[in-house]
Amino acid sequence: MQATLTPTLVEKESISGFSFRNAKKFKQVPDIHKKLEEATRLGNTAKVKFNIDFHTDNGFKTVQTTIWATGTKFICLKGGVWIPIANIEDVRSI
């Protein structure tokens, strides 16, 4: 049985300094694109914040923020901060 990792909470402003090149393999939640699109809609219309759990080359992280846009390969947060969807494990409302 694999131990569940607890992500480290980070500020969204620090994400642009993270590397996403060699993140470890992990199990992504089913329908992640659908969840991200719903989170984007709620973030833009109702300013709902979400926990976004993601993997970087330096470990498992989480950020609490709204999602401004969801593309095919990346999500965009306020301030032009991008996270590759392939590195996102889960997204949950706060």
PDB file of N, CA and C in Angstrom:
ATOM      1  N   MET A   1       0.841  -1.185   0.000  1.00  0.00           N
ATOM      2  CA  MET A   1       0.000   0.000   0.000  1.00  0.00           C
ATOM      3  C   MET A   1       0.882   1.242   0.000  1.00  0.00           C
ATOM      4  N   GLN A   2       0.591   2.166  -0.894  1.00  0.00           N
ATOM      5  CA  GLN A   2       1.380   3.385  -1.024  1.00  0.00           C
ATOM      6  C   GLN A   2       0.860   4.435  -0.044  1.00  0.00           C
ATOM      7  N   ALA A   3       1.779   5.105   0.648  1.00  0.00           N
ATOM      8  CA  ALA A   3       1.403   6.155   1.594  1.00  0.00           C
ATOM      9  C   ALA A   3       0.875   7.362   0.836  1.00  0.00           C
ATOM     10  N   THR A   4      -0.129   7.994   1.399  1.00  0.00           N
ATOM     11  CA  THR A   4      -0.684   9.202   0.799  1.00  0.00           C
ATOM     12  C   THR A   4       0.201  10.384   1.152  1.00  0.00           C
ATOM     13  N   LEU A   5       0.598  11.123   0.150  1.00  0.00           N
ATOM     14  CA  LEU A   5       1.427  12.304   0.366  1.00  0.00           C
ATOM     15  C   LEU A   5       0.563  13.489   0.739  1.00  0.00           C
ATOM     16  N   THR A   6       1.081  14.322   1.619  1.00  0.00           N
ATOM     17  CA  THR A   6       0.411  15.562   1.966  1.00  0.00           C
ATOM     18  C   THR A   6       1.120  16.682   1.222  1.00  0.00           C
ATOM     19  N   PRO A   7       0.383  17.442   0.410  1.00  0.00           N
ATOM     20  CA  PRO A   7       1.041  18.499  -0.357  1.00  0.00           C
ATOM     21  C   PRO A   7       1.445  19.674   0.534  1.00  0.00           C
ATOM     22  N   THR A   8       2.495  20.362   0.136  1.00  0.00           N
ATOM     23  CA  THR A   8       2.958  21.567   0.811  1.00  0.00           C
ATOM     24  C   THR A   8       2.209  22.765   0.256  1.00  0.00           C
ATOM     25  N   LEU A   9       1.598  23.558   1.137  1.00  0.00           N
ATOM     26  CA  LEU A   9       0.872  24.755   0.709  1.00  0.00           C
ATOM     27  C   LEU A   9       1.862  25.821   0.256  1.00  0.00           C
ATOM     28  N   VAL A  10       1.632  26.366  -0.939  1.00  0.00           N
ATOM     29  CA  VAL A  10       2.492  27.416  -1.491  1.00  0.00           C
ATOM     30  C   VAL A  10       1.634  28.599  -1.924  1.00  0.00           C
ATOM     31  N   GLU A  11       2.263  29.755  -2.023  1.00  0.00           N
ATOM     32  CA  GLU A  11       1.607  30.945  -2.557  1.00  0.00           C
ATOM     33  C   GLU A  11       1.661  30.874  -4.084  1.00  0.00           C
ATOM     34  N   LYS A  12       0.624  31.370  -4.750  1.00  0.00           N
ATOM     35  CA  LYS A  12       0.594  31.275  -6.213  1.00  0.00           C
ATOM     36  C   LYS A  12       1.748  32.033  -6.862  1.00  0.00           C
ATOM     37  N   GLU A  13       2.229  33.085  -6.201  1.00  0.00           N
ATOM     38  CA  GLU A  13       3.335  33.870  -6.755  1.00  0.00           C
ATOM     39  C   GLU A  13       4.634  33.066  -6.845  1.00  0.00           C
ATOM     40  N   SER A  14       4.766  32.007  -6.050  1.00  0.00           N
ATOM     41  CA  SER A  14       5.987  31.200  -6.072  1.00  0.00           C
ATOM     42  C   SER A  14       5.977  30.145  -7.177  1.00  0.00           C
ATOM     43  N   ILE A  15       4.819  29.883  -7.774  1.00  0.00           N
ATOM     44  CA  ILE A  15       4.693  28.805  -8.757  1.00  0.00           C
ATOM     45  C   ILE A  15       5.544  29.052  -9.992  1.00  0.00           C
ATOM     46  N   SER A  16       5.685  30.294 -10.413  1.00  0.00           N
ATOM     47  CA  SER A  16       6.473  30.579 -11.622  1.00  0.00           C
ATOM     48  C   SER A  16       7.941  30.178 -11.463  1.00  0.00           C
ATOM     49  N   GLY A  17       8.405  29.995 -10.241  1.00  0.00           N
ATOM     50  CA  GLY A  17       9.777  29.559 -10.000  1.00  0.00           C
ATOM     51  C   GLY A  17       9.953  28.052  -9.935  1.00  0.00           C
ATOM     52  N   PHE A  18       8.857  27.301 -10.042  1.00  0.00           N
ATOM     53  CA  PHE A  18       8.930  25.836  -9.975  1.00  0.00           C
ATOM     54  C   PHE A  18       9.235  25.241 -11.341  1.00  0.00           C
ATOM     55  N   SER A  19       9.879  24.085 -11.320  1.00  0.00           N
ATOM     56  CA  SER A  19      10.158  23.334 -12.542  1.00  0.00           C
ATOM     57  C   SER A  19       9.184  22.161 -12.622  1.00  0.00           C
ATOM     58  N   PHE A  20       8.676  21.913 -13.822  1.00  0.00           N
ATOM     59  CA  PHE A  20       7.713  20.835 -14.040  1.00  0.00           C
ATOM     60  C   PHE A  20       8.240  19.799 -15.029  1.00  0.00           C
ATOM     61  N   ARG A  21       9.529  19.751 -15.248  1.00  0.00           N
ATOM     62  CA  ARG A  21      10.102  18.883 -16.279  1.00  0.00           C
ATOM     63  C   ARG A  21      10.136  17.415 -15.905  1.00  0.00           C
ATOM     64  N   ASN A  22      10.520  17.107 -14.686  1.00  0.00           N
ATOM     65  CA  ASN A  22      10.757  15.714 -14.303  1.00  0.00           C
ATOM     66  C   ASN A  22       9.885  15.258 -13.142  1.00  0.00           C
ATOM     67  N   ALA A  23       8.663  15.744 -13.084  1.00  0.00           N
ATOM     68  CA  ALA A  23       7.781  15.354 -11.980  1.00  0.00           C
ATOM     69  C   ALA A  23       7.528  13.849 -12.029  1.00  0.00           C
ATOM     70  N   LYS A  24       7.380  13.256 -10.855  1.00  0.00           N
ATOM     71  CA  LYS A  24       7.154  11.812 -10.755  1.00  0.00           C
ATOM     72  C   LYS A  24       5.767  11.454 -11.261  1.00  0.00           C
ATOM     73  N   LYS A  25       5.634  10.183 -11.639  1.00  0.00           N
ATOM     74  CA  LYS A  25       4.342   9.671 -12.091  1.00  0.00           C
ATOM     75  C   LYS A  25       3.389   9.614 -10.900  1.00  0.00           C
ATOM     76  N   PHE A  26       2.121   9.892 -11.148  1.00  0.00           N
ATOM     77  CA  PHE A  26       1.111   9.871 -10.098  1.00  0.00           C
ATOM     78  C   PHE A  26      -0.232   9.555 -10.737  1.00  0.00           C
ATOM     79  N   LYS A  27      -1.208   9.257  -9.899  1.00  0.00           N
ATOM     80  CA  LYS A  27      -2.549   8.948 -10.393  1.00  0.00           C
ATOM     81  C   LYS A  27      -3.392  10.222 -10.388  1.00  0.00           C
ATOM     82  N   GLN A  28      -3.771  10.651 -11.565  1.00  0.00           N
ATOM     83  CA  GLN A  28      -4.593  11.852 -11.720  1.00  0.00           C
ATOM     84  C   GLN A  28      -6.065  11.465 -11.539  1.00  0.00           C
ATOM     85  N   VAL A  29      -6.840  12.336 -10.893  1.00  0.00           N
ATOM     86  CA  VAL A  29      -8.260  12.045 -10.710  1.00  0.00           C
ATOM     87  C   VAL A  29      -8.947  11.930 -12.067  1.00  0.00           C
ATOM     88  N   PRO A  30      -9.953  11.063 -12.157  1.00  0.00           N
ATOM     89  CA  PRO A  30     -10.691  10.955 -13.425  1.00  0.00           C
ATOM     90  C   PRO A  30     -11.368  12.281 -13.769  1.00  0.00           C
ATOM     91  N   ASP A  31     -11.534  12.531 -15.035  1.00  0.00           N
ATOM     92  CA  ASP A  31     -12.219  13.737 -15.527  1.00  0.00           C
ATOM     93  C   ASP A  31     -11.597  15.032 -15.018  1.00  0.00           C
ATOM     94  N   ILE A  32     -10.269  15.089 -14.930  1.00  0.00           N
ATOM     95  CA  ILE A  32      -9.599  16.285 -14.416  1.00  0.00           C
ATOM     96  C   ILE A  32      -9.945  17.508 -15.271  1.00  0.00           C
ATOM     97  N   HIS A  33     -10.025  17.347 -16.590  1.00  0.00           N
ATOM     98  CA  HIS A  33     -10.351  18.492 -17.446  1.00  0.00           C
ATOM     99  C   HIS A  33     -11.743  19.031 -17.123  1.00  0.00           C
ATOM    100  N   LYS A  34     -12.683  18.149 -16.914  1.00  0.00           N
ATOM    101  CA  LYS A  34     -14.046  18.563 -16.568  1.00  0.00           C
ATOM    102  C   LYS A  34     -14.059  19.315 -15.237  1.00  0.00           C
ATOM    103  N   LYS A  35     -13.315  18.804 -14.243  1.00  0.00           N
ATOM    104  CA  LYS A  35     -13.239  19.467 -12.940  1.00  0.00           C
ATOM    105  C   LYS A  35     -12.589  20.838 -13.059  1.00  0.00           C
ATOM    106  N   LEU A  36     -11.535  20.946 -13.873  1.00  0.00           N
ATOM    107  CA  LEU A  36     -10.850  22.228 -14.053  1.00  0.00           C
ATOM    108  C   LEU A  36     -11.732  23.240 -14.772  1.00  0.00           C
ATOM    109  N   GLU A  37     -12.482  22.790 -15.752  1.00  0.00           N
ATOM    110  CA  GLU A  37     -13.387  23.697 -16.464  1.00  0.00           C
ATOM    111  C   GLU A  37     -14.484  24.216 -15.531  1.00  0.00           C
ATOM    112  N   GLU A  38     -15.017  23.345 -14.676  1.00  0.00           N
ATOM    113  CA  GLU A  38     -16.028  23.764 -13.702  1.00  0.00           C
ATOM    114  C   GLU A  38     -15.419  24.742 -12.692  1.00  0.00           C
ATOM    115  N   ALA A  39     -14.205  24.464 -12.238  1.00  0.00           N
ATOM    116  CA  ALA A  39     -13.519  25.366 -11.303  1.00  0.00           C
ATOM    117  C   ALA A  39     -13.255  26.724 -11.946  1.00  0.00           C
ATOM    118  N   THR A  40     -12.933  26.733 -13.218  1.00  0.00           N
ATOM    119  CA  THR A  40     -12.708  27.985 -13.948  1.00  0.00           C
ATOM    120  C   THR A  40     -14.001  28.786 -14.015  1.00  0.00           C
ATOM    121  N   ARG A  41     -15.094  28.113 -14.352  1.00  0.00           N
ATOM    122  CA  ARG A  41     -16.388  28.789 -14.439  1.00  0.00           C
ATOM    123  C   ARG A  41     -16.766  29.397 -13.084  1.00  0.00           C
ATOM    124  N   LEU A  42     -16.637  28.618 -12.022  1.00  0.00           N
ATOM    125  CA  LEU A  42     -16.983  29.117 -10.687  1.00  0.00           C
ATOM    126  C   LEU A  42     -16.030  30.218 -10.221  1.00  0.00           C
ATOM    127  N   GLY A  43     -14.775  30.123 -10.586  1.00  0.00           N
ATOM    128  CA  GLY A  43     -13.810  31.157 -10.230  1.00  0.00           C
ATOM    129  C   GLY A  43     -14.101  32.479 -10.910  1.00  0.00           C
ATOM    130  N   ASN A  44     -14.522  32.408 -12.174  1.00  0.00           N
ATOM    131  CA  ASN A  44     -14.798  33.627 -12.935  1.00  0.00           C
ATOM    132  C   ASN A  44     -16.154  34.242 -12.606  1.00  0.00           C
ATOM    133  N   THR A  45     -17.140  33.423 -12.283  1.00  0.00           N
ATOM    134  CA  THR A  45     -18.480  33.963 -12.039  1.00  0.00           C
ATOM    135  C   THR A  45     -18.754  34.258 -10.570  1.00  0.00           C
ATOM    136  N   ALA A  46     -18.252  33.400  -9.684  1.00  0.00           N
ATOM    137  CA  ALA A  46     -18.577  33.542  -8.258  1.00  0.00           C
ATOM    138  C   ALA A  46     -17.345  33.739  -7.378  1.00  0.00           C
ATOM    139  N   LYS A  47     -16.168  33.861  -7.990  1.00  0.00           N
ATOM    140  CA  LYS A  47     -14.908  34.063  -7.261  1.00  0.00           C
ATOM    141  C   LYS A  47     -14.636  32.952  -6.242  1.00  0.00           C
ATOM    142  N   VAL A  48     -15.043  31.713  -6.583  1.00  0.00           N
ATOM    143  CA  VAL A  48     -14.826  30.560  -5.716  1.00  0.00           C
ATOM    144  C   VAL A  48     -13.367  30.131  -5.831  1.00  0.00           C
ATOM    145  N   LYS A  49     -12.722  29.931  -4.678  1.00  0.00           N
ATOM    146  CA  LYS A  49     -11.337  29.469  -4.658  1.00  0.00           C
ATOM    147  C   LYS A  49     -11.295  27.947  -4.545  1.00  0.00           C
ATOM    148  N   PHE A  50     -10.220  27.380  -5.077  1.00  0.00           N
ATOM    149  CA  PHE A  50     -10.026  25.936  -5.074  1.00  0.00           C
ATOM    150  C   PHE A  50      -8.635  25.590  -4.573  1.00  0.00           C
ATOM    151  N   ASN A  51      -8.515  24.386  -4.009  1.00  0.00           N
ATOM    152  CA  ASN A  51      -7.212  23.786  -3.731  1.00  0.00           C
ATOM    153  C   ASN A  51      -6.803  23.075  -5.010  1.00  0.00           C
ATOM    154  N   ILE A  52      -5.644  23.400  -5.524  1.00  0.00           N
ATOM    155  CA  ILE A  52      -5.110  22.748  -6.707  1.00  0.00           C
ATOM    156  C   ILE A  52      -3.866  21.980  -6.250  1.00  0.00           C
ATOM    157  N   ASP A  53      -3.942  20.653  -6.281  1.00  0.00           N
ATOM    158  CA  ASP A  53      -2.821  19.800  -5.881  1.00  0.00           C
ATOM    159  C   ASP A  53      -2.026  19.446  -7.128  1.00  0.00           C
ATOM    160  N   PHE A  54      -0.722  19.713  -7.105  1.00  0.00           N
ATOM    161  CA  PHE A  54       0.092  19.480  -8.296  1.00  0.00           C
ATOM    162  C   PHE A  54       1.503  19.043  -7.910  1.00  0.00           C
ATOM    163  N   HIS A  55       2.160  18.408  -8.874  1.00  0.00           N
ATOM    164  CA  HIS A  55       3.513  17.886  -8.671  1.00  0.00           C
ATOM    165  C   HIS A  55       4.522  18.745  -9.426  1.00  0.00           C
ATOM    166  N   THR A  56       5.630  19.040  -8.739  1.00  0.00           N
ATOM    167  CA  THR A  56       6.749  19.756  -9.353  1.00  0.00           C
ATOM    168  C   THR A  56       7.978  18.857  -9.247  1.00  0.00           C
ATOM    169  N   ASP A  57       9.074  19.300  -9.817  1.00  0.00           N
ATOM    170  CA  ASP A  57      10.313  18.535  -9.688  1.00  0.00           C
ATOM    171  C   ASP A  57      10.795  18.493  -8.239  1.00  0.00           C
ATOM    172  N   ASN A  58      10.314  19.437  -7.416  1.00  0.00           N
ATOM    173  CA  ASN A  58      10.728  19.511  -6.013  1.00  0.00           C
ATOM    174  C   ASN A  58       9.665  19.022  -5.052  1.00  0.00           C
ATOM    175  N   GLY A  59       8.652  18.301  -5.538  1.00  0.00           N
ATOM    176  CA  GLY A  59       7.686  17.713  -4.632  1.00  0.00           C
ATOM    177  C   GLY A  59       6.234  18.053  -4.931  1.00  0.00           C
ATOM    178  N   PHE A  60       5.388  17.587  -4.036  1.00  0.00           N
ATOM    179  CA  PHE A  60       3.935  17.698  -4.138  1.00  0.00           C
ATOM    180  C   PHE A  60       3.501  18.995  -3.469  1.00  0.00           C
ATOM    181  N   LYS A  61       2.769  19.837  -4.195  1.00  0.00           N
ATOM    182  CA  LYS A  61       2.374  21.167  -3.721  1.00  0.00           C
ATOM    183  C   LYS A  61       0.862  21.346  -3.834  1.00  0.00           C
ATOM    184  N   THR A  62       0.334  22.333  -3.119  1.00  0.00           N
ATOM    185  CA  THR A  62      -1.048  22.758  -3.269  1.00  0.00           C
ATOM    186  C   THR A  62      -1.103  24.268  -3.176  1.00  0.00           C
ATOM    187  N   VAL A  63      -2.051  24.847  -3.895  1.00  0.00           N
ATOM    188  CA  VAL A  63      -2.252  26.292  -3.867  1.00  0.00           C
ATOM    189  C   VAL A  63      -3.748  26.540  -3.746  1.00  0.00           C
ATOM    190  N   GLN A  64      -4.112  27.586  -3.020  1.00  0.00           N
ATOM    191  CA  GLN A  64      -5.514  27.961  -2.852  1.00  0.00           C
ATOM    192  C   GLN A  64      -5.759  29.251  -3.619  1.00  0.00           C
ATOM    193  N   THR A  65      -6.532  29.136  -4.712  1.00  0.00           N
ATOM    194  CA  THR A  65      -6.726  30.283  -5.587  1.00  0.00           C
ATOM    195  C   THR A  65      -7.891  30.042  -6.534  1.00  0.00           C
ATOM    196  N   THR A  66      -8.194  31.035  -7.347  1.00  0.00           N
ATOM    197  CA  THR A  66      -9.166  30.859  -8.421  1.00  0.00           C
ATOM    198  C   THR A  66      -8.417  30.524  -9.702  1.00  0.00           C
ATOM    199  N   ILE A  67      -9.103  29.834 -10.602  1.00  0.00           N
ATOM    200  CA  ILE A  67      -8.538  29.509 -11.914  1.00  0.00           C
ATOM    201  C   ILE A  67      -9.163  30.458 -12.927  1.00  0.00           C
ATOM    202  N   TRP A  68      -8.319  31.171 -13.652  1.00  0.00           N
ATOM    203  CA  TRP A  68      -8.828  32.140 -14.632  1.00  0.00           C
ATOM    204  C   TRP A  68      -9.148  31.505 -15.972  1.00  0.00           C
ATOM    205  N   ALA A  69      -8.347  30.519 -16.380  1.00  0.00           N
ATOM    206  CA  ALA A  69      -8.566  29.893 -17.683  1.00  0.00           C
ATOM    207  C   ALA A  69      -8.044  28.466 -17.669  1.00  0.00           C
ATOM    208  N   THR A  70      -8.714  27.606 -18.432  1.00  0.00           N
ATOM    209  CA  THR A  70      -8.279  26.224 -18.610  1.00  0.00           C
ATOM    210  C   THR A  70      -8.119  25.977 -20.095  1.00  0.00           C
ATOM    211  N   GLY A  71      -6.922  25.583 -20.488  1.00  0.00           N
ATOM    212  CA  GLY A  71      -6.653  25.249 -21.886  1.00  0.00           C
ATOM    213  C   GLY A  71      -6.558  23.747 -22.051  1.00  0.00           C
ATOM    214  N   THR A  72      -5.938  23.318 -23.128  1.00  0.00           N
ATOM    215  CA  THR A  72      -5.797  21.882 -23.362  1.00  0.00           C
ATOM    216  C   THR A  72      -4.617  21.290 -22.597  1.00  0.00           C
ATOM    217  N   LYS A  73      -3.592  22.117 -22.313  1.00  0.00           N
ATOM    218  CA  LYS A  73      -2.400  21.605 -21.629  1.00  0.00           C
ATOM    219  C   LYS A  73      -2.051  22.344 -20.351  1.00  0.00           C
ATOM    220  N   PHE A  74      -2.604  23.534 -20.134  1.00  0.00           N
ATOM    221  CA  PHE A  74      -2.259  24.342 -18.972  1.00  0.00           C
ATOM    222  C   PHE A  74      -3.504  24.988 -18.382  1.00  0.00           C
ATOM    223  N   ILE A  75      -3.404  25.364 -17.074  1.00  0.00           N
ATOM    224  CA  ILE A  75      -4.377  26.265 -16.476  1.00  0.00           C
ATOM    225  C   ILE A  75      -3.651  27.567 -16.194  1.00  0.00           C
ATOM    226  N   CYS A  76      -4.405  28.658 -16.183  1.00  0.00           N
ATOM    227  CA  CYS A  76      -3.843  29.971 -15.907  1.00  0.00           C
ATOM    228  C   CYS A  76      -4.478  30.527 -14.642  1.00  0.00           C
ATOM    229  N   LEU A  77      -3.634  30.976 -13.727  1.00  0.00           N
ATOM    230  CA  LEU A  77      -4.082  31.624 -12.503  1.00  0.00           C
ATOM    231  C   LEU A  77      -3.880  33.124 -12.650  1.00  0.00           C
ATOM    232  N   LYS A  78      -4.408  33.893 -11.723  1.00  0.00           N
ATOM    233  CA  LYS A  78      -4.243  35.342 -11.742  1.00  0.00           C
ATOM    234  C   LYS A  78      -2.755  35.688 -11.798  1.00  0.00           C
ATOM    235  N   GLY A  79      -2.423  36.712 -12.560  1.00  0.00           N
ATOM    236  CA  GLY A  79      -1.037  37.160 -12.657  1.00  0.00           C
ATOM    237  C   GLY A  79      -0.234  36.427 -13.713  1.00  0.00           C
ATOM    238  N   GLY A  80      -0.901  35.654 -14.570  1.00  0.00           N
ATOM    239  CA  GLY A  80      -0.182  34.945 -15.632  1.00  0.00           C
ATOM    240  C   GLY A  80       0.618  33.762 -15.143  1.00  0.00           C
ATOM    241  N   VAL A  81       0.199  33.141 -14.058  1.00  0.00           N
ATOM    242  CA  VAL A  81       0.860  31.950 -13.522  1.00  0.00           C
ATOM    243  C   VAL A  81       0.238  30.723 -14.183  1.00  0.00           C
ATOM    244  N   TRP A  82       1.088  29.852 -14.736  1.00  0.00           N
ATOM    245  CA  TRP A  82       0.624  28.682 -15.477  1.00  0.00           C
ATOM    246  C   TRP A  82       1.049  27.404 -14.770  1.00  0.00           C
ATOM    247  N   ILE A  83       0.154  26.401 -14.783  1.00  0.00           N
ATOM    248  CA  ILE A  83       0.464  25.064 -14.257  1.00  0.00           C
ATOM    249  C   ILE A  83       0.077  24.057 -15.336  1.00  0.00           C
ATOM    250  N   PRO A  84       0.998  23.142 -15.688  1.00  0.00           N
ATOM    251  CA  PRO A  84       0.649  22.119 -16.678  1.00  0.00           C
ATOM    252  C   PRO A  84      -0.420  21.171 -16.115  1.00  0.00           C
ATOM    253  N   ILE A  85      -1.450  20.908 -16.900  1.00  0.00           N
ATOM    254  CA  ILE A  85      -2.521  20.013 -16.456  1.00  0.00           C
ATOM    255  C   ILE A  85      -1.983  18.609 -16.193  1.00  0.00           C
ATOM    256  N   ALA A  86      -0.967  18.192 -16.937  1.00  0.00           N
ATOM    257  CA  ALA A  86      -0.378  16.862 -16.736  1.00  0.00           C
ATOM    258  C   ALA A  86       0.221  16.708 -15.336  1.00  0.00           C
ATOM    259  N   ASN A  87       0.498  17.822 -14.656  1.00  0.00           N
ATOM    260  CA  ASN A  87       1.093  17.789 -13.313  1.00  0.00           C
ATOM    261  C   ASN A  87       0.060  17.975 -12.203  1.00  0.00           C
ATOM    262  N   ILE A  88      -1.200  18.187 -12.555  1.00  0.00           N
ATOM    263  CA  ILE A  88      -2.235  18.403 -11.562  1.00  0.00           C
ATOM    264  C   ILE A  88      -2.853  17.072 -11.167  1.00  0.00           C
ATOM    265  N   GLU A  89      -2.833  16.787  -9.885  1.00  0.00           N
ATOM    266  CA  GLU A  89      -3.406  15.541  -9.375  1.00  0.00           C
ATOM    267  C   GLU A  89      -4.900  15.691  -9.106  1.00  0.00           C
ATOM    268  N   ASP A  90      -5.287  16.831  -8.489  1.00  0.00           N
ATOM    269  CA  ASP A  90      -6.693  17.021  -8.134  1.00  0.00           C
ATOM    270  C   ASP A  90      -6.981  18.505  -7.948  1.00  0.00           C
ATOM    271  N   VAL A  91      -8.261  18.849  -8.006  1.00  0.00           N
ATOM    272  CA  VAL A  91      -8.736  20.200  -7.722  1.00  0.00           C
ATOM    273  C   VAL A  91     -10.013  20.051  -6.898  1.00  0.00           C
ATOM    274  N   ARG A  92     -10.079  20.805  -5.774  1.00  0.00           N
ATOM    275  CA  ARG A  92     -11.205  20.703  -4.843  1.00  0.00           C
ATOM    276  C   ARG A  92     -11.595  22.089  -4.386  1.00  0.00           C
ATOM    277  N   SER A  93     -12.891  22.307  -4.209  1.00  0.00           N
ATOM    278  CA  SER A  93     -13.324  23.604  -3.699  1.00  0.00           C
ATOM    279  C   SER A  93     -12.927  23.724  -2.231  1.00  0.00           C
ATOM    280  N   ILE A  94     -12.676  24.957  -1.812  1.00  0.00           N
ATOM    281  CA  ILE A  94     -12.260  25.216  -0.429  1.00  0.00           C
ATOM    282  C   ILE A  94     -13.503  25.284   0.442  1.00  0.00           C
TER     283      ILE A  94
END
